[in-house]
Amino acid sequence: NILRNQVKSYLLGQIQKGELEVGKTINLALL
């Protein structure tokens, strides 16, 4: 659960910074 929440916070940060762009597929392997 801790690891999942840490990943969730990281993903939110990436979206907020525009690193994960709206409408584009999220590359799980790259993440």
Full PDB file with SEQRES, HELIX, SHEET, SSBOND, CRYST1, ORIGX, SCALE, CONECT and MASTER records, all heavy atoms in Angstrom:
SEQRES   1 A   31  ASN ILE LEU ARG ASN GLN VAL LYS SER TYR LEU LEU GLY          
SEQRES   2 A   31  GLN ILE GLN LYS GLY GLU LEU GLU VAL GLY LYS THR ILE          
SEQRES   3 A   31  ASN LEU ALA LEU LEU                                          
HELIX    1 AA1 ILE A    2  GLN A   16  1                                  15    
CRYST1    1.000    1.000    1.000  90.00  90.00  90.00 P 1           1          
ORIGX1      1.000000  0.000000  0.000000        0.00000                         
ORIGX2      0.000000  1.000000  0.000000        0.00000                         
ORIGX3      0.000000  0.000000  1.000000        0.00000                         
SCALE1      1.000000  0.000000  0.000000        0.00000                         
SCALE2      0.000000  1.000000  0.000000        0.00000                         
SCALE3      0.000000  0.000000  1.000000        0.00000                         
ATOM      1  N   ASN A   1       0.823  -1.207   0.000  1.00  0.00           N  
ATOM      2  CA  ASN A   1       0.000   0.000   0.000  1.00  0.00           C  
ATOM      3  C   ASN A   1       0.856   1.255   0.000  1.00  0.00           C  
ATOM      4  O   ASN A   1       0.559   2.235  -0.694  1.00  0.00           O  
ATOM      5  CB  ASN A   1      -0.931   0.007   1.214  1.00  0.00           C  
ATOM      6  CG  ASN A   1      -2.023  -1.035   1.121  1.00  0.00           C  
ATOM      7  OD1 ASN A   1      -2.356  -1.489   0.025  1.00  0.00           O  
ATOM      8  ND2 ASN A   1      -2.585  -1.419   2.248  1.00  0.00           N  
ATOM      9  N   ILE A   2       1.931   1.236   0.794  1.00  0.00           N  
ATOM     10  CA  ILE A   2       2.836   2.384   0.852  1.00  0.00           C  
ATOM     11  C   ILE A   2       3.475   2.619  -0.508  1.00  0.00           C  
ATOM     12  O   ILE A   2       3.538   3.756  -0.997  1.00  0.00           O  
ATOM     13  CB  ILE A   2       3.917   2.159   1.929  1.00  0.00           C  
ATOM     14  CG1 ILE A   2       3.285   2.146   3.325  1.00  0.00           C  
ATOM     15  CG2 ILE A   2       4.994   3.242   1.843  1.00  0.00           C  
ATOM     16  CD1 ILE A   2       4.239   1.783   4.429  1.00  0.00           C  
ATOM     17  N   LEU A   3       3.935   1.550  -1.144  1.00  0.00           N  
ATOM     18  CA  LEU A   3       4.572   1.660  -2.454  1.00  0.00           C  
ATOM     19  C   LEU A   3       3.586   2.182  -3.496  1.00  0.00           C  
ATOM     20  O   LEU A   3       3.917   3.070  -4.293  1.00  0.00           O  
ATOM     21  CB  LEU A   3       5.124   0.297  -2.880  1.00  0.00           C  
ATOM     22  CG  LEU A   3       5.909   0.256  -4.202  1.00  0.00           C  
ATOM     23  CD1 LEU A   3       7.079   1.217  -4.157  1.00  0.00           C  
ATOM     24  CD2 LEU A   3       6.385  -1.163  -4.486  1.00  0.00           C  
ATOM     25  N   ARG A   4       2.360   1.674  -3.472  1.00  0.00           N  
ATOM     26  CA  ARG A   4       1.332   2.123  -4.414  1.00  0.00           C  
ATOM     27  C   ARG A   4       1.048   3.611  -4.229  1.00  0.00           C  
ATOM     28  O   ARG A   4       0.930   4.357  -5.198  1.00  0.00           O  
ATOM     29  CB  ARG A   4       0.055   1.319  -4.213  1.00  0.00           C  
ATOM     30  CG  ARG A   4      -1.064   1.686  -5.203  1.00  0.00           C  
ATOM     31  CD  ARG A   4      -2.342   0.977  -4.841  1.00  0.00           C  
ATOM     32  NE  ARG A   4      -2.800   1.368  -3.525  1.00  0.00           N  
ATOM     33  CZ  ARG A   4      -3.326   0.521  -2.625  1.00  0.00           C  
ATOM     34  NH1 ARG A   4      -3.432  -0.762  -2.912  1.00  0.00           N  
ATOM     35  NH2 ARG A   4      -3.726   0.951  -1.453  1.00  0.00           N  
ATOM     36  N   ASN A   5       0.957   4.062  -2.984  1.00  0.00           N  
ATOM     37  CA  ASN A   5       0.674   5.472  -2.718  1.00  0.00           C  
ATOM     38  C   ASN A   5       1.841   6.355  -3.137  1.00  0.00           C  
ATOM     39  O   ASN A   5       1.639   7.480  -3.605  1.00  0.00           O  
ATOM     40  CB  ASN A   5       0.368   5.675  -1.231  1.00  0.00           C  
ATOM     41  CG  ASN A   5      -0.972   5.094  -0.829  1.00  0.00           C  
ATOM     42  OD1 ASN A   5      -1.857   4.947  -1.670  1.00  0.00           O  
ATOM     43  ND2 ASN A   5      -1.122   4.756   0.433  1.00  0.00           N  
ATOM     44  N   GLN A   6       3.055   5.862  -2.983  1.00  0.00           N  
ATOM     45  CA  GLN A   6       4.226   6.617  -3.431  1.00  0.00           C  
ATOM     46  C   GLN A   6       4.226   6.764  -4.951  1.00  0.00           C  
ATOM     47  O   GLN A   6       4.525   7.835  -5.486  1.00  0.00           O  
ATOM     48  CB  GLN A   6       5.512   5.923  -2.958  1.00  0.00           C  
ATOM     49  CG  GLN A   6       5.749   6.034  -1.464  1.00  0.00           C  
ATOM     50  CD  GLN A   6       6.959   5.234  -1.002  1.00  0.00           C  
ATOM     51  OE1 GLN A   6       7.394   4.292  -1.679  1.00  0.00           O  
ATOM     52  NE2 GLN A   6       7.496   5.578   0.152  1.00  0.00           N  
ATOM     53  N   VAL A   7       3.885   5.688  -5.635  1.00  0.00           N  
ATOM     54  CA  VAL A   7       3.795   5.730  -7.099  1.00  0.00           C  
ATOM     55  C   VAL A   7       2.684   6.680  -7.518  1.00  0.00           C  
ATOM     56  O   VAL A   7       2.836   7.468  -8.469  1.00  0.00           O  
ATOM     57  CB  VAL A   7       3.547   4.319  -7.671  1.00  0.00           C  
ATOM     58  CG1 VAL A   7       3.293   4.385  -9.170  1.00  0.00           C  
ATOM     59  CG2 VAL A   7       4.736   3.402  -7.385  1.00  0.00           C  
ATOM     60  N   LYS A   8       1.553   6.636  -6.814  1.00  0.00           N  
ATOM     61  CA  LYS A   8       0.426   7.514  -7.110  1.00  0.00           C  
ATOM     62  C   LYS A   8       0.838   8.981  -6.977  1.00  0.00           C  
ATOM     63  O   LYS A   8       0.527   9.805  -7.846  1.00  0.00           O  
ATOM     64  CB  LYS A   8      -0.735   7.201  -6.165  1.00  0.00           C  
ATOM     65  CG  LYS A   8      -1.987   8.031  -6.394  1.00  0.00           C  
ATOM     66  CD  LYS A   8      -3.074   7.603  -5.419  1.00  0.00           C  
ATOM     67  CE  LYS A   8      -4.287   8.492  -5.500  1.00  0.00           C  
ATOM     68  NZ  LYS A   8      -5.337   8.095  -4.523  1.00  0.00           N  
ATOM     69  N   SER A   9       1.562   9.314  -5.908  1.00  0.00           N  
ATOM     70  CA  SER A   9       2.025  10.692  -5.713  1.00  0.00           C  
ATOM     71  C   SER A   9       2.982  11.112  -6.817  1.00  0.00           C  
ATOM     72  O   SER A   9       2.930  12.247  -7.312  1.00  0.00           O  
ATOM     73  CB  SER A   9       2.717  10.822  -4.345  1.00  0.00           C  
ATOM     74  OG  SER A   9       1.807  10.591  -3.299  1.00  0.00           O  
ATOM     75  N   TYR A  10       3.845  10.197  -7.223  1.00  0.00           N  
ATOM     76  CA  TYR A  10       4.785  10.483  -8.317  1.00  0.00           C  
ATOM     77  C   TYR A  10       4.031  10.756  -9.617  1.00  0.00           C  
ATOM     78  O   TYR A  10       4.337  11.720 -10.332  1.00  0.00           O  
ATOM     79  CB  TYR A  10       5.742   9.304  -8.493  1.00  0.00           C  
ATOM     80  CG  TYR A  10       6.660   9.445  -9.695  1.00  0.00           C  
ATOM     81  CD1 TYR A  10       7.835  10.183  -9.607  1.00  0.00           C  
ATOM     82  CD2 TYR A  10       6.345   8.835 -10.911  1.00  0.00           C  
ATOM     83  CE1 TYR A  10       8.665  10.317 -10.695  1.00  0.00           C  
ATOM     84  CE2 TYR A  10       7.168   8.969 -12.006  1.00  0.00           C  
ATOM     85  CZ  TYR A  10       8.331   9.702 -11.896  1.00  0.00           C  
ATOM     86  OH  TYR A  10       9.159   9.831 -12.998  1.00  0.00           O  
ATOM     87  N   LEU A  11       3.040   9.926  -9.905  1.00  0.00           N  
ATOM     88  CA  LEU A  11       2.269  10.093 -11.141  1.00  0.00           C  
ATOM     89  C   LEU A  11       1.508  11.414 -11.146  1.00  0.00           C  
ATOM     90  O   LEU A  11       1.466  12.106 -12.163  1.00  0.00           O  
ATOM     91  CB  LEU A  11       1.299   8.925 -11.308  1.00  0.00           C  
ATOM     92  CG  LEU A  11       1.934   7.568 -11.622  1.00  0.00           C  
ATOM     93  CD1 LEU A  11       0.900   6.454 -11.510  1.00  0.00           C  
ATOM     94  CD2 LEU A  11       2.561   7.562 -12.996  1.00  0.00           C  
ATOM     95  N   LEU A  12       0.926  11.768 -10.009  1.00  0.00           N  
ATOM     96  CA  LEU A  12       0.223  13.044  -9.904  1.00  0.00           C  
ATOM     97  C   LEU A  12       1.173  14.207 -10.166  1.00  0.00           C  
ATOM     98  O   LEU A  12       0.837  15.167 -10.863  1.00  0.00           O  
ATOM     99  CB  LEU A  12      -0.415  13.188  -8.521  1.00  0.00           C  
ATOM    100  CG  LEU A  12      -1.650  12.331  -8.256  1.00  0.00           C  
ATOM    101  CD1 LEU A  12      -2.043  12.393  -6.781  1.00  0.00           C  
ATOM    102  CD2 LEU A  12      -2.817  12.766  -9.121  1.00  0.00           C  
ATOM    103  N   GLY A  13       2.370  14.114  -9.611  1.00  0.00           N  
ATOM    104  CA  GLY A  13       3.372  15.155  -9.842  1.00  0.00           C  
ATOM    105  C   GLY A  13       3.764  15.253 -11.304  1.00  0.00           C  
ATOM    106  O   GLY A  13       3.919  16.361 -11.844  1.00  0.00           O  
ATOM    107  N   GLN A  14       3.923  14.110 -11.962  1.00  0.00           N  
ATOM    108  CA  GLN A  14       4.281  14.097 -13.373  1.00  0.00           C  
ATOM    109  C   GLN A  14       3.186  14.716 -14.247  1.00  0.00           C  
ATOM    110  O   GLN A  14       3.462  15.442 -15.195  1.00  0.00           O  
ATOM    111  CB  GLN A  14       4.551  12.656 -13.834  1.00  0.00           C  
ATOM    112  CG  GLN A  14       5.809  12.029 -13.238  1.00  0.00           C  
ATOM    113  CD  GLN A  14       7.070  12.741 -13.701  1.00  0.00           C  
ATOM    114  OE1 GLN A  14       7.637  13.546 -12.962  1.00  0.00           O  
ATOM    115  NE2 GLN A  14       7.518  12.461 -14.898  1.00  0.00           N  
ATOM    116  N   ILE A  15       1.932  14.433 -13.896  1.00  0.00           N  
ATOM    117  CA  ILE A  15       0.815  15.009 -14.647  1.00  0.00           C  
ATOM    118  C   ILE A  15       0.753  16.512 -14.427  1.00  0.00           C  
ATOM    119  O   ILE A  15       0.562  17.295 -15.363  1.00  0.00           O  
ATOM    120  CB  ILE A  15      -0.513  14.337 -14.246  1.00  0.00           C  
ATOM    121  CG1 ILE A  15      -0.494  12.851 -14.618  1.00  0.00           C  
ATOM    122  CG2 ILE A  15      -1.691  15.025 -14.930  1.00  0.00           C  
ATOM    123  CD1 ILE A  15      -1.665  12.063 -14.076  1.00  0.00           C  
ATOM    124  N   GLN A  16       0.921  16.945 -13.180  1.00  0.00           N  
ATOM    125  CA  GLN A  16       0.866  18.367 -12.859  1.00  0.00           C  
ATOM    126  C   GLN A  16       1.969  19.150 -13.567  1.00  0.00           C  
ATOM    127  O   GLN A  16       1.778  20.304 -13.951  1.00  0.00           O  
ATOM    128  CB  GLN A  16       0.963  18.562 -11.347  1.00  0.00           C  
ATOM    129  CG  GLN A  16      -0.301  18.130 -10.617  1.00  0.00           C  
ATOM    130  CD  GLN A  16      -0.147  18.152  -9.108  1.00  0.00           C  
ATOM    131  OE1 GLN A  16       0.955  17.995  -8.593  1.00  0.00           O  
ATOM    132  NE2 GLN A  16      -1.237  18.339  -8.400  1.00  0.00           N  
ATOM    133  N   LYS A  17       3.125  18.527 -13.743  1.00  0.00           N  
ATOM    134  CA  LYS A  17       4.253  19.197 -14.412  1.00  0.00           C  
ATOM    135  C   LYS A  17       4.184  19.084 -15.931  1.00  0.00           C  
ATOM    136  O   LYS A  17       5.006  19.651 -16.635  1.00  0.00           O  
ATOM    137  CB  LYS A  17       5.579  18.603 -13.908  1.00  0.00           C  
ATOM    138  CG  LYS A  17       5.893  18.960 -12.469  1.00  0.00           C  
ATOM    139  CD  LYS A  17       7.271  18.500 -12.051  1.00  0.00           C  
ATOM    140  CE  LYS A  17       7.372  16.997 -11.999  1.00  0.00           C  
ATOM    141  NZ  LYS A  17       8.676  16.530 -11.458  1.00  0.00           N  
ATOM    142  N   GLY A  18       3.182  18.335 -16.428  1.00  0.00           N  
ATOM    143  CA  GLY A  18       3.031  18.192 -17.867  1.00  0.00           C  
ATOM    144  C   GLY A  18       3.890  17.107 -18.468  1.00  0.00           C  
ATOM    145  O   GLY A  18       3.951  16.964 -19.700  1.00  0.00           O  
ATOM    146  N   GLU A  19       4.551  16.308 -17.625  1.00  0.00           N  
ATOM    147  CA  GLU A  19       5.385  15.218 -18.139  1.00  0.00           C  
ATOM    148  C   GLU A  19       4.529  14.095 -18.728  1.00  0.00           C  
ATOM    149  O   GLU A  19       4.949  13.395 -19.635  1.00  0.00           O  
ATOM    150  CB  GLU A  19       6.274  14.670 -17.012  1.00  0.00           C  
ATOM    151  CG  GLU A  19       7.250  15.678 -16.432  1.00  0.00           C  
ATOM    152  CD  GLU A  19       8.289  16.126 -17.434  1.00  0.00           C  
ATOM    153  OE1 GLU A  19       8.637  15.331 -18.338  1.00  0.00           O  
ATOM    154  OE2 GLU A  19       8.768  17.275 -17.324  1.00  0.00           O  
ATOM    155  N   LEU A  20       3.333  13.918 -18.153  1.00  0.00           N  
ATOM    156  CA  LEU A  20       2.357  12.975 -18.701  1.00  0.00           C  
ATOM    157  C   LEU A  20       1.254  13.814 -19.326  1.00  0.00           C  
ATOM    158  O   LEU A  20       0.428  14.400 -18.633  1.00  0.00           O  
ATOM    159  CB  LEU A  20       1.799  12.069 -17.595  1.00  0.00           C  
ATOM    160  CG  LEU A  20       2.806  11.154 -16.895  1.00  0.00           C  
ATOM    161  CD1 LEU A  20       2.137  10.388 -15.763  1.00  0.00           C  
ATOM    162  CD2 LEU A  20       3.436  10.187 -17.888  1.00  0.00           C  
ATOM    163  N   GLU A  21       1.218  13.893 -20.635  1.00  0.00           N  
ATOM    164  CA  GLU A  21       0.345  14.837 -21.327  1.00  0.00           C  
ATOM    165  C   GLU A  21      -1.076  14.300 -21.493  1.00  0.00           C  
ATOM    166  O   GLU A  21      -1.297  13.093 -21.611  1.00  0.00           O  
ATOM    167  CB  GLU A  21       0.930  15.162 -22.709  1.00  0.00           C  
ATOM    168  CG  GLU A  21       2.298  15.843 -22.642  1.00  0.00           C  
ATOM    169  CD  GLU A  21       2.845  16.144 -24.024  1.00  0.00           C  
ATOM    170  OE1 GLU A  21       2.053  16.182 -24.978  1.00  0.00           O  
ATOM    171  OE2 GLU A  21       4.067  16.345 -24.146  1.00  0.00           O  
ATOM    172  N   VAL A  22      -2.028  15.237 -21.511  1.00  0.00           N  
ATOM    173  CA  VAL A  22      -3.434  14.898 -21.693  1.00  0.00           C  
ATOM    174  C   VAL A  22      -3.638  14.210 -23.038  1.00  0.00           C  
ATOM    175  O   VAL A  22      -3.146  14.669 -24.071  1.00  0.00           O  
ATOM    176  CB  VAL A  22      -4.308  16.171 -21.622  1.00  0.00           C  
ATOM    177  CG1 VAL A  22      -5.750  15.851 -22.022  1.00  0.00           C  
ATOM    178  CG2 VAL A  22      -4.265  16.768 -20.231  1.00  0.00           C  
ATOM    179  N   GLY A  23      -4.352  13.074 -23.027  1.00  0.00           N  
ATOM    180  CA  GLY A  23      -4.702  12.374 -24.253  1.00  0.00           C  
ATOM    181  C   GLY A  23      -3.662  11.389 -24.753  1.00  0.00           C  
ATOM    182  O   GLY A  23      -3.949  10.598 -25.653  1.00  0.00           O  
ATOM    183  N   LYS A  24      -2.448  11.401 -24.172  1.00  0.00           N  
ATOM    184  CA  LYS A  24      -1.405  10.480 -24.622  1.00  0.00           C  
ATOM    185  C   LYS A  24      -1.346   9.258 -23.724  1.00  0.00           C  
ATOM    186  O   LYS A  24      -1.562   9.343 -22.520  1.00  0.00           O  
ATOM    187  CB  LYS A  24      -0.053  11.183 -24.646  1.00  0.00           C  
ATOM    188  CG  LYS A  24       0.063  12.221 -25.753  1.00  0.00           C  
ATOM    189  CD  LYS A  24       1.502  12.648 -25.960  1.00  0.00           C  
ATOM    190  CE  LYS A  24       1.628  13.594 -27.147  1.00  0.00           C  
ATOM    191  NZ  LYS A  24       3.025  14.020 -27.383  1.00  0.00           N  
ATOM    192  N   THR A  25      -1.044   8.116 -24.337  1.00  0.00           N  
ATOM    193  CA  THR A  25      -0.978   6.858 -23.598  1.00  0.00           C  
ATOM    194  C   THR A  25       0.189   6.868 -22.615  1.00  0.00           C  
ATOM    195  O   THR A  25       1.295   7.303 -22.944  1.00  0.00           O  
ATOM    196  CB  THR A  25      -0.828   5.675 -24.560  1.00  0.00           C  
ATOM    197  OG1 THR A  25      -1.921   5.678 -25.482  1.00  0.00           O  
ATOM    198  CG2 THR A  25      -0.812   4.351 -23.801  1.00  0.00           C  
ATOM    199  N   ILE A  26      -0.071   6.401 -21.389  1.00  0.00           N  
ATOM    200  CA  ILE A  26       0.963   6.314 -20.362  1.00  0.00           C  
ATOM    201  C   ILE A  26       1.761   5.035 -20.571  1.00  0.00           C  
ATOM    202  O   ILE A  26       1.203   3.939 -20.586  1.00  0.00           O  
ATOM    203  CB  ILE A  26       0.334   6.347 -18.961  1.00  0.00           C  
ATOM    204  CG1 ILE A  26      -0.392   7.689 -18.747  1.00  0.00           C  
ATOM    205  CG2 ILE A  26       1.381   6.121 -17.883  1.00  0.00           C  
ATOM    206  CD1 ILE A  26      -1.182   7.755 -17.458  1.00  0.00           C  
ATOM    207  N   ASN A  27       3.054   5.169 -20.733  1.00  0.00           N  
ATOM    208  CA  ASN A  27       3.949   4.041 -20.988  1.00  0.00           C  
ATOM    209  C   ASN A  27       4.349   3.400 -19.655  1.00  0.00           C  
ATOM    210  O   ASN A  27       5.196   3.931 -18.934  1.00  0.00           O  
ATOM    211  CB  ASN A  27       5.179   4.528 -21.760  1.00  0.00           C  
ATOM    212  CG  ASN A  27       6.051   3.381 -22.229  1.00  0.00           C  
ATOM    213  OD1 ASN A  27       6.229   2.385 -21.538  1.00  0.00           O  
ATOM    214  ND2 ASN A  27       6.620   3.535 -23.415  1.00  0.00           N  
ATOM    215  N   LEU A  28       3.738   2.258 -19.338  1.00  0.00           N  
ATOM    216  CA  LEU A  28       3.995   1.607 -18.059  1.00  0.00           C  
ATOM    217  C   LEU A  28       5.435   1.125 -17.935  1.00  0.00           C  
ATOM    218  O   LEU A  28       6.059   1.247 -16.872  1.00  0.00           O  
ATOM    219  CB  LEU A  28       3.036   0.420 -17.863  1.00  0.00           C  
ATOM    220  CG  LEU A  28       1.707   0.734 -17.168  1.00  0.00           C  
ATOM    221  CD1 LEU A  28       0.870   1.677 -18.021  1.00  0.00           C  
ATOM    222  CD2 LEU A  28       0.926  -0.539 -16.853  1.00  0.00           C  
ATOM    223  N   ALA A  29       5.976   0.579 -19.014  1.00  0.00           N  
ATOM    224  CA  ALA A  29       7.350   0.068 -18.973  1.00  0.00           C  
ATOM    225  C   ALA A  29       8.344   1.195 -18.728  1.00  0.00           C  
ATOM    226  O   ALA A  29       9.299   1.056 -17.952  1.00  0.00           O  
ATOM    227  CB  ALA A  29       7.681  -0.652 -20.273  1.00  0.00           C  
ATOM    228  N   LEU A  30       8.129   2.340 -19.375  1.00  0.00           N  
ATOM    229  CA  LEU A  30       9.005   3.490 -19.180  1.00  0.00           C  
ATOM    230  C   LEU A  30       8.903   4.022 -17.757  1.00  0.00           C  
ATOM    231  O   LEU A  30       9.920   4.345 -17.127  1.00  0.00           O  
ATOM    232  CB  LEU A  30       8.647   4.590 -20.175  1.00  0.00           C  
ATOM    233  CG  LEU A  30       9.477   5.880 -20.095  1.00  0.00           C  
ATOM    234  CD1 LEU A  30      10.956   5.579 -20.333  1.00  0.00           C  
ATOM    235  CD2 LEU A  30       8.966   6.905 -21.097  1.00  0.00           C  
ATOM    236  N   LEU A  31       7.682   4.088 -17.234  1.00  0.00           N  
ATOM    237  CA  LEU A  31       7.496   4.529 -15.853  1.00  0.00           C  
ATOM    238  C   LEU A  31       8.197   3.588 -14.887  1.00  0.00           C  
ATOM    239  O   LEU A  31       8.818   4.019 -13.908  1.00  0.00           O  
ATOM    240  CB  LEU A  31       6.004   4.592 -15.514  1.00  0.00           C  
ATOM    241  CG  LEU A  31       5.242   5.839 -15.955  1.00  0.00           C  
ATOM    242  CD1 LEU A  31       3.756   5.684 -15.649  1.00  0.00           C  
ATOM    243  CD2 LEU A  31       5.783   7.074 -15.256  1.00  0.00           C  
TER     244      LEU A  31                                                      
MASTER        0    0    0    1    0    0    0    6  243    1    0    3          
END                                                                             
